[in-house]
N, C-alpha and C. Protein backbone atom coordinates (compact mmCIF):
# COMPACT_ATOMS: atom_id res chain seq x y z
N UNK A 1 137.22 -175.94 159.07
CA UNK A 1 136.23 -175.76 159.20
C UNK A 1 136.10 -176.87 159.28
N UNK A 2 135.04 -176.56 160.74
CA UNK A 2 134.08 -178.31 161.77
C UNK A 2 133.11 -178.23 160.20
N UNK A 3 132.68 -179.98 160.65
CA UNK A 3 131.53 -180.55 160.04
C UNK A 3 130.46 -179.42 160.02
N UNK A 4 129.56 -179.61 160.79
CA UNK A 4 128.88 -178.64 161.26
C UNK A 4 128.78 -177.60 160.71
N UNK A 5 128.99 -176.52 161.29
CA UNK A 5 129.58 -175.58 159.73
C UNK A 5 129.04 -175.21 158.67
N UNK A 6 129.78 -176.27 158.02
CA UNK A 6 130.05 -176.42 156.41
C UNK A 6 128.88 -176.40 156.05
N UNK A 7 128.17 -177.75 156.99
CA UNK A 7 126.59 -178.22 156.65
C UNK A 7 125.69 -177.30 156.44
N UNK A 8 125.74 -176.10 157.63
CA UNK A 8 124.94 -174.80 158.12
C UNK A 8 125.13 -173.66 156.58
N UNK A 9 126.92 -173.55 156.75
CA UNK A 9 126.70 -173.19 155.45
C UNK A 9 126.24 -173.33 153.88
N UNK A 10 126.48 -174.80 153.79
CA UNK A 10 125.95 -174.90 152.43
C UNK A 10 124.19 -174.67 152.12
N UNK A 11 123.97 -175.05 153.29
CA UNK A 11 122.62 -175.13 153.40
C UNK A 11 121.89 -173.68 153.34
N UNK A 12 122.67 -172.68 153.82
CA UNK A 12 122.38 -171.13 153.92
C UNK A 12 122.58 -171.15 152.60
N UNK A 13 123.48 -171.79 151.94
CA UNK A 13 123.72 -171.23 150.49
C UNK A 13 122.52 -171.98 149.54
N UNK A 14 121.98 -173.15 149.39
CA UNK A 14 121.11 -173.56 149.28
C UNK A 14 119.43 -173.08 149.32
N UNK A 15 119.53 -172.28 150.33
CA UNK A 15 118.01 -171.53 150.79
C UNK A 15 118.26 -170.15 149.52
N UNK A 16 119.20 -169.24 149.99
CA UNK A 16 119.88 -168.68 149.30
C UNK A 16 119.60 -168.22 147.73
N UNK A 17 120.17 -169.05 147.10
CA UNK A 17 120.17 -169.84 145.93
C UNK A 17 118.99 -170.57 145.78
N UNK A 18 117.94 -170.96 146.18
CA UNK A 18 116.50 -171.08 145.58
C UNK A 18 115.92 -169.82 145.96
N UNK A 19 116.51 -169.27 146.75
CA UNK A 19 115.18 -167.67 147.03
C UNK A 19 115.32 -167.03 145.45
N UNK A 20 116.68 -166.72 144.71
CA UNK A 20 116.93 -166.36 143.29
C UNK A 20 116.33 -166.58 142.71
N UNK A 21 116.47 -168.02 142.51
CA UNK A 21 115.80 -168.96 141.30
C UNK A 21 114.68 -168.83 140.79
N UNK A 22 113.58 -168.51 142.31
CA UNK A 22 112.63 -168.75 142.49
C UNK A 22 111.72 -166.89 142.29
N UNK A 23 112.59 -166.42 142.17
CA UNK A 23 112.32 -164.56 141.84
C UNK A 23 111.86 -163.95 143.34
N UNK A 24 111.27 -165.12 144.84
CA UNK A 24 110.65 -164.36 145.66
C UNK A 24 111.34 -163.37 146.69
N UNK A 25 113.05 -163.54 146.07
CA UNK A 25 114.19 -161.94 146.74
C UNK A 25 113.51 -161.07 146.62
N UNK A 26 113.19 -160.32 147.57
CA UNK A 26 112.95 -158.93 147.94
C UNK A 26 113.31 -157.68 147.25
N UNK A 27 114.55 -158.06 146.58
CA UNK A 27 115.47 -156.87 146.52
C UNK A 27 115.28 -157.06 144.69
N UNK A 28 115.37 -156.36 144.04
CA UNK A 28 115.73 -156.44 142.29
C UNK A 28 116.30 -155.25 142.03
N UNK A 29 116.76 -155.19 141.28
CA UNK A 29 117.84 -153.84 140.04
C UNK A 29 116.96 -153.58 139.05
N UNK A 30 117.12 -152.19 138.98
CA UNK A 30 117.11 -151.82 137.25
C UNK A 30 117.45 -150.54 136.38
N UNK A 31 117.47 -150.51 135.70
CA UNK A 31 118.38 -149.18 135.24
C UNK A 31 117.06 -148.38 134.31
N UNK A 32 117.26 -147.42 134.77
CA UNK A 32 117.11 -145.92 134.12
C UNK A 32 117.06 -145.88 132.79
N UNK A 33 116.37 -145.68 131.84
CA UNK A 33 116.93 -145.60 130.60
C UNK A 33 116.13 -144.06 130.10
N UNK A 34 116.36 -143.35 129.11
CA UNK A 34 115.83 -141.77 129.00
C UNK A 34 116.04 -140.43 129.73
N UNK A 35 115.26 -139.90 129.41
CA UNK A 35 115.36 -138.74 129.94
C UNK A 35 113.89 -138.34 131.10
N UNK A 36 113.07 -139.51 130.96
CA UNK A 36 112.04 -138.81 131.36
C UNK A 36 111.80 -139.09 133.22
N UNK A 37 113.31 -138.83 133.91
CA UNK A 37 113.00 -138.92 135.34
C UNK A 37 114.08 -137.69 135.83
N UNK A 38 114.13 -137.22 134.58
CA UNK A 38 115.33 -136.09 134.99
C UNK A 38 114.63 -134.87 135.46
N UNK A 39 115.23 -134.25 136.84
CA UNK A 39 116.97 -134.14 136.70
C UNK A 39 117.08 -135.07 138.18
N UNK A 40 116.24 -135.23 138.63
CA UNK A 40 115.90 -136.73 140.25
C UNK A 40 116.98 -137.43 139.63
N UNK A 41 116.64 -138.58 137.97
CA UNK A 41 117.59 -139.28 137.93
C UNK A 41 117.48 -139.67 136.21
N UNK A 42 118.84 -139.77 135.60
CA UNK A 42 119.87 -139.57 134.96
C UNK A 42 119.64 -140.99 134.36
N UNK A 43 119.88 -141.22 133.12
CA UNK A 43 119.94 -142.14 132.13
C UNK A 43 121.15 -142.78 132.31
N UNK A 44 121.09 -144.53 132.60
CA UNK A 44 121.95 -145.10 132.98
C UNK A 44 122.09 -145.41 134.23
N UNK A 45 121.50 -144.65 135.51
CA UNK A 45 121.15 -144.94 136.40
C UNK A 45 121.01 -146.08 137.28
N UNK A 46 121.45 -146.69 138.34
CA UNK A 46 121.12 -148.14 138.57
C UNK A 46 120.60 -148.18 139.59
N UNK A 47 119.31 -148.71 140.00
CA UNK A 47 118.89 -148.99 141.07
C UNK A 47 118.04 -149.81 141.83
N UNK A 48 118.31 -150.24 142.96
CA UNK A 48 117.74 -151.20 143.70
C UNK A 48 116.27 -151.25 144.06
N UNK A 49 115.53 -151.94 143.96
CA UNK A 49 113.62 -151.76 144.44
C UNK A 49 113.28 -152.44 145.05
N UNK A 50 113.07 -152.29 145.78
CA UNK A 50 112.47 -153.81 147.05
C UNK A 50 111.00 -154.42 146.67
N UNK A 51 110.31 -154.64 146.62
CA UNK A 51 109.23 -155.77 145.89
C UNK A 51 108.63 -155.89 147.18
N UNK A 52 107.05 -155.66 147.01
CA UNK A 52 105.69 -156.26 147.74
C UNK A 52 105.68 -154.54 148.56
N UNK A 53 104.68 -154.96 149.16
CA UNK A 53 104.39 -153.15 150.14
C UNK A 53 103.56 -152.28 149.32
N UNK A 54 103.40 -151.24 150.06
CA UNK A 54 102.08 -150.51 149.16
C UNK A 54 103.02 -148.97 149.13
N UNK A 55 103.03 -149.07 147.58
CA UNK A 55 103.73 -147.88 147.07
C UNK A 55 103.06 -145.84 147.53
N UNK A 56 103.04 -145.62 148.54
CA UNK A 56 102.43 -144.26 148.48
C UNK A 56 102.93 -142.73 147.40
N UNK A 57 101.83 -142.05 147.23
CA UNK A 57 102.02 -140.69 146.65
C UNK A 57 103.26 -140.90 146.37
N UNK A 58 104.35 -139.81 145.41
CA UNK A 58 105.53 -139.60 145.40
C UNK A 58 106.80 -140.66 145.19
N UNK A 59 106.42 -142.06 146.10
CA UNK A 59 107.87 -142.99 145.59
C UNK A 59 108.45 -142.89 144.18
N UNK A 60 109.20 -143.58 143.90
CA UNK A 60 109.81 -144.15 142.79
C UNK A 60 109.37 -145.25 142.46
N UNK A 61 108.85 -145.84 141.28
CA UNK A 61 108.18 -147.22 140.99
C UNK A 61 108.80 -147.58 139.43
N UNK A 62 109.47 -148.86 139.83
CA UNK A 62 109.97 -149.94 138.50
C UNK A 62 108.29 -150.22 138.21
N UNK A 63 107.57 -149.98 136.94
CA UNK A 63 106.97 -150.31 136.50
C UNK A 63 106.87 -151.12 135.36
N UNK A 64 105.89 -152.02 135.23
CA UNK A 64 105.40 -152.83 133.64
C UNK A 64 104.98 -151.38 132.53
N UNK A 65 105.83 -151.69 131.60
CA UNK A 65 105.14 -150.65 130.61
C UNK A 65 103.89 -151.66 129.91
N UNK A 66 102.41 -150.55 130.42
CA UNK A 66 101.16 -151.76 129.90
C UNK A 66 101.34 -152.28 128.34
N UNK A 67 102.20 -151.32 127.50
CA UNK A 67 101.90 -151.82 126.16
C UNK A 67 103.13 -152.53 125.71
N UNK A 68 104.30 -152.92 126.76
CA UNK A 68 104.86 -154.52 126.89
C UNK A 68 105.30 -154.61 127.92
N UNK A 69 105.00 -155.65 128.46
CA UNK A 69 105.15 -155.77 130.16
C UNK A 69 106.56 -156.05 130.12
N UNK A 70 106.97 -156.75 129.49
CA UNK A 70 108.63 -157.05 129.48
C UNK A 70 109.16 -156.02 129.53
N UNK A 71 108.90 -154.70 129.18
CA UNK A 71 109.38 -153.33 129.38
C UNK A 71 109.54 -152.84 130.71
N UNK A 72 110.41 -152.11 131.34
CA UNK A 72 110.16 -151.83 132.64
C UNK A 72 110.48 -150.41 132.52
N UNK A 73 109.64 -149.64 132.95
CA UNK A 73 110.16 -148.18 132.86
C UNK A 73 109.83 -147.66 134.60
N UNK A 74 110.84 -146.40 134.95
CA UNK A 74 110.80 -145.99 136.06
C UNK A 74 110.29 -144.84 136.19
N UNK A 75 108.62 -145.10 137.24
CA UNK A 75 107.90 -143.90 137.55
C UNK A 75 107.89 -143.16 138.74
N UNK A 76 107.39 -141.93 139.13
CA UNK A 76 106.76 -141.68 139.98
C UNK A 76 105.77 -141.99 140.45
N UNK A 77 105.13 -142.11 141.29
CA UNK A 77 103.32 -141.80 141.60
C UNK A 77 103.21 -141.16 142.09
N UNK A 78 102.04 -140.65 141.35
CA UNK A 78 101.22 -139.30 141.33
C UNK A 78 100.23 -139.26 142.14
N UNK A 79 99.41 -140.86 141.86
CA UNK A 79 98.10 -140.66 142.71
C UNK A 79 97.85 -142.61 143.07
N UNK A 80 96.88 -142.51 143.62
CA UNK A 80 95.69 -144.12 143.33
C UNK A 80 94.76 -143.84 143.40
N UNK A 81 94.31 -144.77 142.79
CA UNK A 81 92.91 -144.26 142.26
C UNK A 81 92.40 -145.88 142.30
N UNK A 82 90.66 -145.79 142.24
CA UNK A 82 89.51 -146.96 142.27
C UNK A 82 90.25 -147.79 140.73
N UNK A 83 90.75 -146.76 139.59
CA UNK A 83 91.02 -147.59 138.49
C UNK A 83 92.30 -147.52 138.20
N UNK A 84 93.55 -147.32 139.42
CA UNK A 84 94.66 -147.85 139.41
C UNK A 84 95.58 -146.56 139.82
N UNK A 85 97.00 -147.06 139.33
CA UNK A 85 98.20 -146.32 140.18
C UNK A 85 98.37 -145.53 139.38
N UNK A 86 98.46 -144.08 139.33
CA UNK A 86 98.59 -142.79 138.18
C UNK A 86 100.25 -142.82 138.24
N UNK A 87 101.05 -143.19 137.37
CA UNK A 87 102.66 -142.79 137.17
C UNK A 87 102.96 -141.98 136.56
N UNK A 88 104.02 -141.14 136.96
CA UNK A 88 104.69 -139.74 136.11
C UNK A 88 105.99 -139.43 136.20
N UNK A 89 106.51 -139.29 134.79
CA UNK A 89 107.78 -138.72 135.00
C UNK A 89 108.14 -137.65 135.27
N UNK A 90 109.13 -137.51 136.15
CA UNK A 90 109.72 -135.99 136.50
C UNK A 90 109.66 -134.91 135.20
N UNK A 91 109.55 -135.32 134.20
CA UNK A 91 110.15 -134.51 133.21
C UNK A 91 109.20 -134.69 132.42
N UNK A 92 108.04 -134.02 131.75
CA UNK A 92 106.55 -134.14 131.44
C UNK A 92 106.90 -133.98 130.01
N UNK A 93 107.93 -133.45 129.63
CA UNK A 93 108.30 -133.13 128.08
C UNK A 93 108.68 -134.59 127.37
N UNK A 94 109.50 -135.48 127.92
CA UNK A 94 110.38 -136.54 127.87
C UNK A 94 109.25 -137.76 128.48
N UNK A 95 108.42 -137.91 129.07
CA UNK A 95 107.89 -138.64 129.44
C UNK A 95 106.36 -139.74 128.63
N UNK A 96 107.00 -140.86 128.97
CA UNK A 96 104.95 -141.81 128.51
C UNK A 96 105.02 -142.23 129.40
N UNK A 97 103.83 -141.94 130.76
CA UNK A 97 103.35 -142.44 131.55
C UNK A 97 101.75 -142.11 131.16
N UNK A 98 101.46 -141.85 132.54
CA UNK A 98 100.42 -142.26 132.74
C UNK A 98 98.88 -140.80 132.69
N UNK A 99 99.73 -139.63 131.35
CA UNK A 99 99.21 -138.78 130.56
C UNK A 99 99.40 -139.12 129.57
N UNK A 100 99.86 -140.32 129.05
CA UNK A 100 99.15 -140.90 127.46
C UNK A 100 98.73 -142.17 128.04
N UNK A 101 98.84 -143.32 128.86
CA UNK A 101 98.77 -144.58 128.66
C UNK A 101 97.42 -145.06 129.87
N UNK A 102 97.14 -144.02 130.83
CA UNK A 102 96.33 -143.80 131.64
C UNK A 102 96.72 -145.03 133.07
N UNK A 103 96.09 -144.70 133.93
CA UNK A 103 96.10 -145.38 135.31
C UNK A 103 96.56 -146.95 134.85
N UNK A 104 98.21 -147.46 135.75
CA UNK A 104 98.48 -149.20 135.57
C UNK A 104 97.84 -149.78 137.12
N UNK A 105 97.56 -150.63 136.64
CA UNK A 105 96.98 -151.43 137.00
C UNK A 105 98.18 -151.79 138.88
N UNK A 106 97.95 -152.12 140.46
CA UNK A 106 98.53 -152.15 140.83
C UNK A 106 99.77 -153.61 140.71
N UNK A 107 98.94 -154.89 139.74
CA UNK A 107 99.97 -155.63 139.78
C UNK A 107 101.04 -155.10 139.13
N UNK A 108 101.14 -154.08 138.12
CA UNK A 108 102.04 -153.86 137.19
C UNK A 108 103.57 -153.09 137.52
N UNK A 109 102.80 -152.53 139.28
CA UNK A 109 103.79 -151.84 140.15
C UNK A 109 105.24 -153.65 140.27
N UNK A 110 106.79 -153.06 140.01
CA UNK A 110 107.51 -154.43 139.91
C UNK A 110 108.50 -154.02 141.88
N UNK A 111 108.01 -152.65 141.86
CA UNK A 111 109.37 -151.97 143.69
C UNK A 111 109.03 -151.22 143.41
N UNK A 112 109.29 -150.39 144.54
CA UNK A 112 109.84 -149.47 144.79
C UNK A 112 110.90 -149.03 144.83
N UNK A 113 112.13 -148.32 144.00
CA UNK A 113 113.38 -147.52 144.61
C UNK A 113 113.73 -147.32 145.47
N UNK A 114 114.58 -147.93 146.10
CA UNK A 114 114.84 -147.03 147.80
C UNK A 114 116.82 -146.56 147.63
N UNK A 115 117.28 -147.29 146.34
CA UNK A 115 118.73 -146.76 146.60
C UNK A 115 119.33 -146.62 145.34
N UNK A 116 120.60 -145.28 144.71
CA UNK A 116 120.98 -145.47 143.64
C UNK A 116 122.18 -146.54 143.59
N UNK A 117 122.91 -147.21 143.21
CA UNK A 117 123.91 -148.02 143.38
C UNK A 117 125.10 -147.55 142.04
N UNK A 118 124.61 -147.38 141.13
CA UNK A 118 125.55 -146.82 140.30
C UNK A 118 125.24 -145.58 139.51
N UNK A 119 125.78 -144.75 139.17
CA UNK A 119 127.12 -144.23 139.25
C UNK A 119 128.44 -144.32 140.25
N UNK A 120 128.93 -144.61 140.75
CA UNK A 120 129.32 -144.45 142.21
C UNK A 120 129.41 -142.79 142.49
N UNK A 121 129.80 -141.70 141.51
CA UNK A 121 129.26 -140.30 141.71
C UNK A 121 128.34 -139.84 143.04
N UNK A 122 126.86 -140.85 142.41
CA UNK A 122 125.65 -140.73 143.12
C UNK A 122 124.83 -141.44 144.01
N UNK A 123 125.52 -142.38 144.42
CA UNK A 123 125.19 -143.03 145.63
C UNK A 123 124.30 -142.65 146.25
N UNK A 124 123.56 -143.13 146.48
CA UNK A 124 122.27 -142.57 147.66
C UNK A 124 120.94 -143.19 147.59
N UNK A 125 120.58 -142.71 148.69
CA UNK A 125 119.03 -143.01 148.87
C UNK A 125 118.22 -142.64 147.30
N UNK A 126 117.36 -142.83 147.19
CA UNK A 126 116.57 -142.50 145.84
C UNK A 126 114.99 -141.29 146.49
């Protein structure tokens, strides 16, 4: 390998690694836990989420739980309003969502789910 090619590969790796460490990479991963999103998403499904942008009604999003911000929930955007974003589980009987917690702040949205990568038998767009 030529020296200049190796130099560019090392530089690209450093930039990529820096983006991952800074958490500014636009993609994230989240796992669905529980039955709140049945039948669309099952417990154990793993999703890629895209950070940034405006989530629309009907989008599936990863959102920080207002009670425990370190806990991430997967819900569907039900409405956008002046008081915040209403997030709802598809399975109301098994979901703790805006019906219980009230609207969430837009800053609580961690990203929009775009692709289910696991399990392999259910891979595809969300």
